[in-house]
Amino acid sequence: MSRSNLIDVPRLAGASDLLGVDKYTTALIKFISTASMPITMAI
């Protein structure tokens, strides 16, 4: 069994975005909230 020092825990609210995904999250939220028709998305 291999070991890792990575810990899988959600980041706390207000913590810095170390992976740079906040801009994609914000864009996806904006797209979903302004879509004028039903949509299906796969992530």
PDB file of N, CA and C in Angstrom:
ATOM      1  N   MET A   1       0.847  -1.178   0.000  1.00  0.00           N
ATOM      2  CA  MET A   1       0.000   0.000   0.000  1.00  0.00           C
ATOM      3  C   MET A   1       0.893   1.242   0.000  1.00  0.00           C
ATOM      4  N   SER A   2       0.662   2.126  -0.962  1.00  0.00           N
ATOM      5  CA  SER A   2       1.452   3.358  -1.006  1.00  0.00           C
ATOM      6  C   SER A   2       0.802   4.416  -0.117  1.00  0.00           C
ATOM      7  N   ARG A   3       1.600   5.312   0.352  1.00  0.00           N
ATOM      8  CA  ARG A   3       1.111   6.387   1.218  1.00  0.00           C
ATOM      9  C   ARG A   3       1.318   7.721   0.533  1.00  0.00           C
ATOM     10  N   SER A   4       0.493   8.659   0.888  1.00  0.00           N
ATOM     11  CA  SER A   4       0.580   9.986   0.309  1.00  0.00           C
ATOM     12  C   SER A   4       0.395  11.010   1.411  1.00  0.00           C
ATOM     13  N   ASN A   5       0.955  12.176   1.212  1.00  0.00           N
ATOM     14  CA  ASN A   5       0.771  13.248   2.194  1.00  0.00           C
ATOM     15  C   ASN A   5      -0.348  14.198   1.780  1.00  0.00           C
ATOM     16  N   LEU A   6      -1.141  13.817   0.766  1.00  0.00           N
ATOM     17  CA  LEU A   6      -2.283  14.619   0.348  1.00  0.00           C
ATOM     18  C   LEU A   6      -3.487  14.309   1.228  1.00  0.00           C
ATOM     19  N   ILE A   7      -4.182  15.328   1.639  1.00  0.00           N
ATOM     20  CA  ILE A   7      -5.360  15.174   2.485  1.00  0.00           C
ATOM     21  C   ILE A   7      -6.567  15.669   1.700  1.00  0.00           C
ATOM     22  N   ASP A   8      -7.570  14.833   1.576  1.00  0.00           N
ATOM     23  CA  ASP A   8      -8.758  15.175   0.791  1.00  0.00           C
ATOM     24  C   ASP A   8      -9.803  15.812   1.699  1.00  0.00           C
ATOM     25  N   VAL A   9      -9.682  17.118   1.890  1.00  0.00           N
ATOM     26  CA  VAL A   9     -10.655  17.872   2.675  1.00  0.00           C
ATOM     27  C   VAL A   9     -11.036  19.120   1.885  1.00  0.00           C
ATOM     28  N   PRO A  10     -12.294  19.545   1.972  1.00  0.00           N
ATOM     29  CA  PRO A  10     -12.694  20.762   1.268  1.00  0.00           C
ATOM     30  C   PRO A  10     -11.963  21.978   1.829  1.00  0.00           C
ATOM     31  N   ARG A  11     -11.714  22.952   0.977  1.00  0.00           N
ATOM     32  CA  ARG A  11     -11.068  24.161   1.490  1.00  0.00           C
ATOM     33  C   ARG A  11     -12.093  24.985   2.255  1.00  0.00           C
ATOM     34  N   LEU A  12     -11.644  25.708   3.209  1.00  0.00           N
ATOM     35  CA  LEU A  12     -12.523  26.531   4.031  1.00  0.00           C
ATOM     36  C   LEU A  12     -12.985  27.753   3.248  1.00  0.00           C
ATOM     37  N   ALA A  13     -14.153  28.247   3.580  1.00  0.00           N
ATOM     38  CA  ALA A  13     -14.686  29.446   2.929  1.00  0.00           C
ATOM     39  C   ALA A  13     -13.712  30.594   3.138  1.00  0.00           C
ATOM     40  N   GLY A  14     -13.385  31.277   2.069  1.00  0.00           N
ATOM     41  CA  GLY A  14     -12.461  32.402   2.155  1.00  0.00           C
ATOM     42  C   GLY A  14     -11.004  32.023   2.004  1.00  0.00           C
ATOM     43  N   ALA A  15     -10.701  30.716   1.960  1.00  0.00           N
ATOM     44  CA  ALA A  15      -9.314  30.280   1.779  1.00  0.00           C
ATOM     45  C   ALA A  15      -8.890  30.543   0.342  1.00  0.00           C
ATOM     46  N   SER A  16      -7.589  30.699   0.130  1.00  0.00           N
ATOM     47  CA  SER A  16      -7.110  31.008  -1.218  1.00  0.00           C
ATOM     48  C   SER A  16      -7.321  29.831  -2.174  1.00  0.00           C
ATOM     49  N   ASP A  17      -7.476  30.156  -3.437  1.00  0.00           N
ATOM     50  CA  ASP A  17      -7.714  29.174  -4.499  1.00  0.00           C
ATOM     51  C   ASP A  17      -6.363  28.694  -5.029  1.00  0.00           C
ATOM     52  N   LEU A  18      -5.819  27.655  -4.461  1.00  0.00           N
ATOM     53  CA  LEU A  18      -4.486  27.188  -4.824  1.00  0.00           C
ATOM     54  C   LEU A  18      -4.425  26.544  -6.210  1.00  0.00           C
ATOM     55  N   LEU A  19      -5.536  26.033  -6.709  1.00  0.00           N
ATOM     56  CA  LEU A  19      -5.539  25.370  -8.009  1.00  0.00           C
ATOM     57  C   LEU A  19      -6.044  26.264  -9.141  1.00  0.00           C
ATOM     58  N   GLY A  20      -6.511  27.444  -8.815  1.00  0.00           N
ATOM     59  CA  GLY A  20      -6.962  28.383  -9.836  1.00  0.00           C
ATOM     60  C   GLY A  20      -8.264  27.999 -10.514  1.00  0.00           C
ATOM     61  N   VAL A  21      -9.197  27.413  -9.794  1.00  0.00           N
ATOM     62  CA  VAL A  21     -10.450  26.983 -10.402  1.00  0.00           C
ATOM     63  C   VAL A  21     -11.617  27.926 -10.128  1.00  0.00           C
ATOM     64  N   ASP A  22     -11.422  28.931  -9.311  1.00  0.00           N
ATOM     65  CA  ASP A  22     -12.519  29.846  -8.976  1.00  0.00           C
ATOM     66  C   ASP A  22     -13.093  30.536 -10.200  1.00  0.00           C
ATOM     67  N   LYS A  23     -12.256  30.918 -11.154  1.00  0.00           N
ATOM     68  CA  LYS A  23     -12.767  31.609 -12.339  1.00  0.00           C
ATOM     69  C   LYS A  23     -13.663  30.689 -13.162  1.00  0.00           C
ATOM     70  N   TYR A  24     -13.359  29.397 -13.214  1.00  0.00           N
ATOM     71  CA  TYR A  24     -14.200  28.448 -13.942  1.00  0.00           C
ATOM     72  C   TYR A  24     -15.501  28.185 -13.197  1.00  0.00           C
ATOM     73  N   THR A  25     -15.417  28.112 -11.885  1.00  0.00           N
ATOM     74  CA  THR A  25     -16.609  27.918 -11.065  1.00  0.00           C
ATOM     75  C   THR A  25     -17.570  29.085 -11.239  1.00  0.00           C
ATOM     76  N   THR A  26     -17.044  30.286 -11.181  1.00  0.00           N
ATOM     77  CA  THR A  26     -17.863  31.484 -11.333  1.00  0.00           C
ATOM     78  C   THR A  26     -18.508  31.525 -12.719  1.00  0.00           C
ATOM     79  N   ALA A  27     -17.749  31.206 -13.756  1.00  0.00           N
ATOM     80  CA  ALA A  27     -18.287  31.213 -15.116  1.00  0.00           C
ATOM     81  C   ALA A  27     -19.374  30.155 -15.281  1.00  0.00           C
ATOM     82  N   LEU A  28     -19.183  28.975 -14.715  1.00  0.00           N
ATOM     83  CA  LEU A  28     -20.177  27.909 -14.814  1.00  0.00           C
ATOM     84  C   LEU A  28     -21.462  28.289 -14.084  1.00  0.00           C
ATOM     85  N   ILE A  29     -21.341  28.868 -12.916  1.00  0.00           N
ATOM     86  CA  ILE A  29     -22.519  29.326 -12.159  1.00  0.00           C
ATOM     87  C   ILE A  29     -23.279  30.379 -12.961  1.00  0.00           C
ATOM     88  N   LYS A  30     -22.547  31.325 -13.564  1.00  0.00           N
ATOM     89  CA  LYS A  30     -23.198  32.377 -14.363  1.00  0.00           C
ATOM     90  C   LYS A  30     -23.911  31.774 -15.574  1.00  0.00           C
ATOM     91  N   PHE A  31     -23.262  30.826 -16.244  1.00  0.00           N
ATOM     92  CA  PHE A  31     -23.868  30.192 -17.414  1.00  0.00           C
ATOM     93  C   PHE A  31     -25.144  29.450 -17.039  1.00  0.00           C
ATOM     94  N   ILE A  32     -25.105  28.669 -15.962  1.00  0.00           N
ATOM     95  CA  ILE A  32     -26.270  27.889 -15.543  1.00  0.00           C
ATOM     96  C   ILE A  32     -27.420  28.809 -15.125  1.00  0.00           C
ATOM     97  N   SER A  33     -27.098  29.860 -14.402  1.00  0.00           N
ATOM     98  CA  SER A  33     -28.164  30.736 -13.900  1.00  0.00           C
ATOM     99  C   SER A  33     -28.781  31.604 -14.990  1.00  0.00           C
ATOM    100  N   THR A  34     -28.096  31.782 -16.121  1.00  0.00           N
ATOM    101  CA  THR A  34     -28.644  32.619 -17.187  1.00  0.00           C
ATOM    102  C   THR A  34     -29.100  31.823 -18.409  1.00  0.00           C
ATOM    103  N   ALA A  35     -29.010  30.505 -18.372  1.00  0.00           N
ATOM    104  CA  ALA A  35     -29.437  29.687 -19.504  1.00  0.00           C
ATOM    105  C   ALA A  35     -30.937  29.864 -19.711  1.00  0.00           C
ATOM    106  N   SER A  36     -31.340  30.071 -20.950  1.00  0.00           N
ATOM    107  CA  SER A  36     -32.747  30.352 -21.230  1.00  0.00           C
ATOM    108  C   SER A  36     -33.548  29.100 -21.559  1.00  0.00           C
ATOM    109  N   MET A  37     -32.906  27.955 -21.581  1.00  0.00           N
ATOM    110  CA  MET A  37     -33.612  26.709 -21.866  1.00  0.00           C
ATOM    111  C   MET A  37     -33.038  25.608 -20.976  1.00  0.00           C
ATOM    112  N   PRO A  38     -33.755  24.517 -20.838  1.00  0.00           N
ATOM    113  CA  PRO A  38     -33.205  23.394 -20.074  1.00  0.00           C
ATOM    114  C   PRO A  38     -31.913  22.901 -20.738  1.00  0.00           C
ATOM    115  N   ILE A  39     -30.918  22.586 -19.940  1.00  0.00           N
ATOM    116  CA  ILE A  39     -29.642  22.114 -20.466  1.00  0.00           C
ATOM    117  C   ILE A  39     -29.215  20.848 -19.740  1.00  0.00           C
ATOM    118  N   THR A  40     -28.402  20.073 -20.390  1.00  0.00           N
ATOM    119  CA  THR A  40     -27.777  18.912 -19.775  1.00  0.00           C
ATOM    120  C   THR A  40     -26.279  19.115 -19.829  1.00  0.00           C
ATOM    121  N   MET A  41     -25.607  18.920 -18.715  1.00  0.00           N
ATOM    122  CA  MET A  41     -24.159  19.107 -18.659  1.00  0.00           C
ATOM    123  C   MET A  41     -23.498  17.870 -18.094  1.00  0.00           C
ATOM    124  N   ALA A  42     -22.346  17.568 -18.604  1.00  0.00           N
ATOM    125  CA  ALA A  42     -21.537  16.469 -18.064  1.00  0.00           C
ATOM    126  C   ALA A  42     -20.208  17.050 -17.614  1.00  0.00           C
ATOM    127  N   ILE A  43     -19.846  16.740 -16.419  1.00  0.00           N
ATOM    128  CA  ILE A  43     -18.582  17.245 -15.878  1.00  0.00           C
ATOM    129  C   ILE A  43     -17.705  16.060 -15.515  1.00  0.00           C
TER     130      ILE A  43
END
